[in-house]
Amino acid sequence: MKTQIKSVLASILAVAIATAAASAQQASTAPPTTPYGAPIGLEAAKKVMAAAAWEIRKFHRLLAAERIAVGLQPQ
């Protein structure tokens, strides 16, 4: 009886090791493609960041004006 249990446990362990070894040997896939288009240069990135910062400042001014209009303290 103990021999059969040991045999079953050894078989399970062998299957687990074989599965782990097979999954570790899978070929690596190609890197994902960028769905957003081609990369941009540093100067273009600076322009984009400047435009985004301007939009944030504009939105912040609108929020501050709204707070003043309803009587809240601007932060």
N, C-alpha and C. Protein backbone atom coordinates (compact mmCIF):
# COMPACT_ATOMS: atom_id res chain seq x y z
N MET A 1 0.82 -1.19 0.00
CA MET A 1 0.00 0.00 0.00
C MET A 1 0.87 1.26 0.00
N LYS A 2 1.87 1.31 0.90
CA LYS A 2 2.75 2.48 0.96
C LYS A 2 3.54 2.62 -0.33
N THR A 3 3.88 1.52 -0.94
CA THR A 3 4.63 1.56 -2.18
C THR A 3 3.79 2.18 -3.29
N GLN A 4 2.51 1.86 -3.32
CA GLN A 4 1.62 2.42 -4.33
C GLN A 4 1.46 3.93 -4.12
N ILE A 5 1.33 4.36 -2.87
CA ILE A 5 1.18 5.79 -2.56
C ILE A 5 2.45 6.54 -2.97
N LYS A 6 3.59 5.96 -2.65
CA LYS A 6 4.85 6.58 -3.04
C LYS A 6 4.97 6.66 -4.55
N SER A 7 4.53 5.64 -5.23
CA SER A 7 4.59 5.61 -6.68
C SER A 7 3.68 6.69 -7.29
N VAL A 8 2.49 6.84 -6.74
CA VAL A 8 1.56 7.86 -7.23
C VAL A 8 2.12 9.26 -6.95
N LEU A 9 2.65 9.47 -5.78
CA LEU A 9 3.24 10.77 -5.43
C LEU A 9 4.44 11.08 -6.31
N ALA A 10 5.25 10.09 -6.60
CA ALA A 10 6.40 10.30 -7.47
C ALA A 10 5.94 10.64 -8.89
N SER A 11 4.88 10.00 -9.34
CA SER A 11 4.35 10.30 -10.67
C SER A 11 3.81 11.73 -10.73
N ILE A 12 3.09 12.13 -9.72
CA ILE A 12 2.56 13.50 -9.66
C ILE A 12 3.70 14.51 -9.65
N LEU A 13 4.72 14.25 -8.87
CA LEU A 13 5.87 15.14 -8.80
C LEU A 13 6.59 15.21 -10.15
N ALA A 14 6.71 14.09 -10.82
CA ALA A 14 7.38 14.07 -12.13
C ALA A 14 6.58 14.88 -13.15
N VAL A 15 5.27 14.76 -13.12
CA VAL A 15 4.42 15.53 -14.04
C VAL A 15 4.54 17.02 -13.74
N ALA A 16 4.55 17.38 -12.46
CA ALA A 16 4.67 18.79 -12.09
C ALA A 16 6.00 19.37 -12.54
N ILE A 17 7.07 18.62 -12.37
CA ILE A 17 8.40 19.09 -12.79
C ILE A 17 8.47 19.20 -14.32
N ALA A 18 7.91 18.23 -15.02
CA ALA A 18 7.92 18.27 -16.48
C ALA A 18 7.11 19.45 -17.00
N THR A 19 5.98 19.74 -16.36
CA THR A 19 5.15 20.87 -16.77
C THR A 19 5.89 22.18 -16.54
N ALA A 20 6.53 22.31 -15.39
CA ALA A 20 7.28 23.53 -15.08
C ALA A 20 8.44 23.71 -16.06
N ALA A 21 9.12 22.64 -16.38
CA ALA A 21 10.25 22.73 -17.31
C ALA A 21 9.76 23.10 -18.71
N ALA A 22 8.64 22.56 -19.11
CA ALA A 22 8.11 22.87 -20.45
C ALA A 22 7.67 24.33 -20.54
N SER A 23 7.07 24.85 -19.50
CA SER A 23 6.62 26.24 -19.54
C SER A 23 7.81 27.20 -19.48
N ALA A 24 8.89 26.79 -18.85
CA ALA A 24 10.07 27.65 -18.76
C ALA A 24 10.82 27.70 -20.10
N GLN A 25 10.62 26.73 -20.96
CA GLN A 25 11.34 26.67 -22.22
C GLN A 25 10.56 27.26 -23.39
N GLN A 26 9.43 27.89 -23.13
CA GLN A 26 8.65 28.47 -24.22
C GLN A 26 9.44 29.60 -24.86
N ALA A 27 9.31 29.70 -26.17
CA ALA A 27 10.03 30.74 -26.90
C ALA A 27 9.44 32.09 -26.54
N SER A 28 10.31 33.08 -26.44
CA SER A 28 9.82 34.42 -26.12
C SER A 28 9.12 35.01 -27.34
N THR A 29 8.11 35.77 -27.08
CA THR A 29 7.35 36.38 -28.18
C THR A 29 7.98 37.72 -28.54
N ALA A 30 7.62 38.22 -29.69
CA ALA A 30 8.13 39.51 -30.13
C ALA A 30 7.58 40.61 -29.23
N PRO A 31 8.32 41.70 -29.06
CA PRO A 31 7.82 42.78 -28.22
C PRO A 31 6.55 43.37 -28.82
N PRO A 32 5.66 43.85 -27.96
CA PRO A 32 4.39 44.38 -28.48
C PRO A 32 4.62 45.64 -29.32
N THR A 33 3.78 45.81 -30.30
CA THR A 33 3.87 47.00 -31.13
C THR A 33 3.18 48.15 -30.43
N THR A 34 3.63 49.35 -30.70
CA THR A 34 3.06 50.53 -30.07
C THR A 34 1.78 50.91 -30.81
N PRO A 35 0.65 50.88 -30.15
CA PRO A 35 -0.60 51.18 -30.84
C PRO A 35 -0.84 52.67 -31.04
N TYR A 36 0.05 53.52 -30.56
CA TYR A 36 -0.17 54.95 -30.59
C TYR A 36 0.56 55.65 -31.74
N GLY A 37 1.30 54.95 -32.51
CA GLY A 37 2.01 55.56 -33.63
C GLY A 37 3.51 55.61 -33.38
N ALA A 38 4.19 56.31 -34.27
CA ALA A 38 5.65 56.39 -34.20
C ALA A 38 6.09 57.26 -33.03
N PRO A 39 7.26 56.99 -32.47
CA PRO A 39 7.78 57.82 -31.39
C PRO A 39 8.05 59.24 -31.86
N ILE A 40 8.02 60.18 -30.93
CA ILE A 40 8.30 61.58 -31.29
C ILE A 40 9.63 61.99 -30.69
N GLY A 41 10.20 63.04 -31.20
CA GLY A 41 11.49 63.53 -30.72
C GLY A 41 11.34 64.36 -29.45
N LEU A 42 12.47 64.77 -28.90
CA LEU A 42 12.48 65.52 -27.65
C LEU A 42 11.80 66.88 -27.81
N GLU A 43 12.07 67.58 -28.88
CA GLU A 43 11.47 68.90 -29.08
C GLU A 43 9.95 68.81 -29.20
N ALA A 44 9.47 67.83 -29.94
CA ALA A 44 8.02 67.64 -30.07
C ALA A 44 7.41 67.27 -28.72
N ALA A 45 8.11 66.45 -27.93
CA ALA A 45 7.62 66.08 -26.61
C ALA A 45 7.53 67.30 -25.70
N LYS A 46 8.51 68.19 -25.79
CA LYS A 46 8.48 69.41 -24.99
C LYS A 46 7.28 70.28 -25.37
N LYS A 47 6.98 70.36 -26.67
CA LYS A 47 5.82 71.14 -27.11
C LYS A 47 4.52 70.54 -26.59
N VAL A 48 4.43 69.22 -26.63
CA VAL A 48 3.24 68.55 -26.13
C VAL A 48 3.07 68.79 -24.64
N MET A 49 4.18 68.70 -23.88
CA MET A 49 4.11 68.92 -22.43
C MET A 49 3.75 70.37 -22.11
N ALA A 50 4.26 71.32 -22.89
CA ALA A 50 3.92 72.72 -22.67
C ALA A 50 2.43 72.96 -22.91
N ALA A 51 1.89 72.36 -23.96
CA ALA A 51 0.45 72.50 -24.24
C ALA A 51 -0.38 71.87 -23.14
N ALA A 52 0.04 70.73 -22.64
CA ALA A 52 -0.69 70.06 -21.56
C ALA A 52 -0.64 70.89 -20.29
N ALA A 53 0.51 71.47 -19.98
CA ALA A 53 0.63 72.32 -18.79
C ALA A 53 -0.26 73.55 -18.91
N TRP A 54 -0.35 74.12 -20.12
CA TRP A 54 -1.20 75.29 -20.33
C TRP A 54 -2.66 74.92 -20.10
N GLU A 55 -3.08 73.76 -20.58
CA GLU A 55 -4.46 73.31 -20.38
C GLU A 55 -4.75 73.11 -18.89
N ILE A 56 -3.78 72.57 -18.16
CA ILE A 56 -3.97 72.37 -16.72
C ILE A 56 -4.13 73.71 -16.02
N ARG A 57 -3.29 74.69 -16.37
CA ARG A 57 -3.40 76.01 -15.74
C ARG A 57 -4.75 76.65 -16.08
N LYS A 58 -5.18 76.52 -17.32
CA LYS A 58 -6.46 77.08 -17.74
C LYS A 58 -7.60 76.44 -16.93
N PHE A 59 -7.57 75.12 -16.81
CA PHE A 59 -8.61 74.41 -16.06
C PHE A 59 -8.59 74.81 -14.60
N HIS A 60 -7.39 74.98 -14.03
CA HIS A 60 -7.27 75.37 -12.62
C HIS A 60 -7.88 76.76 -12.41
N ARG A 61 -7.63 77.69 -13.35
CA ARG A 61 -8.23 79.02 -13.24
C ARG A 61 -9.75 78.94 -13.30
N LEU A 62 -10.27 78.09 -14.17
CA LEU A 62 -11.72 77.94 -14.25
C LEU A 62 -12.29 77.38 -12.95
N LEU A 63 -11.60 76.42 -12.35
CA LEU A 63 -12.07 75.87 -11.08
C LEU A 63 -11.99 76.92 -9.98
N ALA A 64 -10.93 77.70 -9.96
CA ALA A 64 -10.79 78.74 -8.93
C ALA A 64 -11.90 79.78 -9.09
N ALA A 65 -12.21 80.17 -10.31
CA ALA A 65 -13.28 81.14 -10.54
C ALA A 65 -14.62 80.56 -10.12
N GLU A 66 -14.83 79.29 -10.36
CA GLU A 66 -16.08 78.66 -9.96
C GLU A 66 -16.21 78.62 -8.45
N ARG A 67 -15.12 78.31 -7.76
CA ARG A 67 -15.16 78.29 -6.29
C ARG A 67 -15.48 79.66 -5.73
N ILE A 68 -14.89 80.68 -6.31
CA ILE A 68 -15.16 82.04 -5.84
C ILE A 68 -16.63 82.39 -6.10
N ALA A 69 -17.15 81.99 -7.24
CA ALA A 69 -18.52 82.30 -7.61
C ALA A 69 -19.53 81.66 -6.65
N VAL A 70 -19.21 80.49 -6.14
CA VAL A 70 -20.16 79.83 -5.22
C VAL A 70 -19.78 80.08 -3.76
N GLY A 71 -18.77 80.87 -3.51
CA GLY A 71 -18.43 81.25 -2.15
C GLY A 71 -17.45 80.33 -1.43
N LEU A 72 -16.76 79.48 -2.15
CA LEU A 72 -15.76 78.62 -1.52
C LEU A 72 -14.41 79.29 -1.54
N GLN A 73 -13.53 78.89 -0.64
CA GLN A 73 -12.18 79.43 -0.61
C GLN A 73 -11.33 78.77 -1.69
N PRO A 74 -10.64 79.55 -2.53
CA PRO A 74 -9.74 78.93 -3.52
C PRO A 74 -8.55 78.30 -2.84
N GLN A 75 -8.10 77.21 -3.41
CA GLN A 75 -6.96 76.50 -2.80
C GLN A 75 -5.70 76.77 -3.58
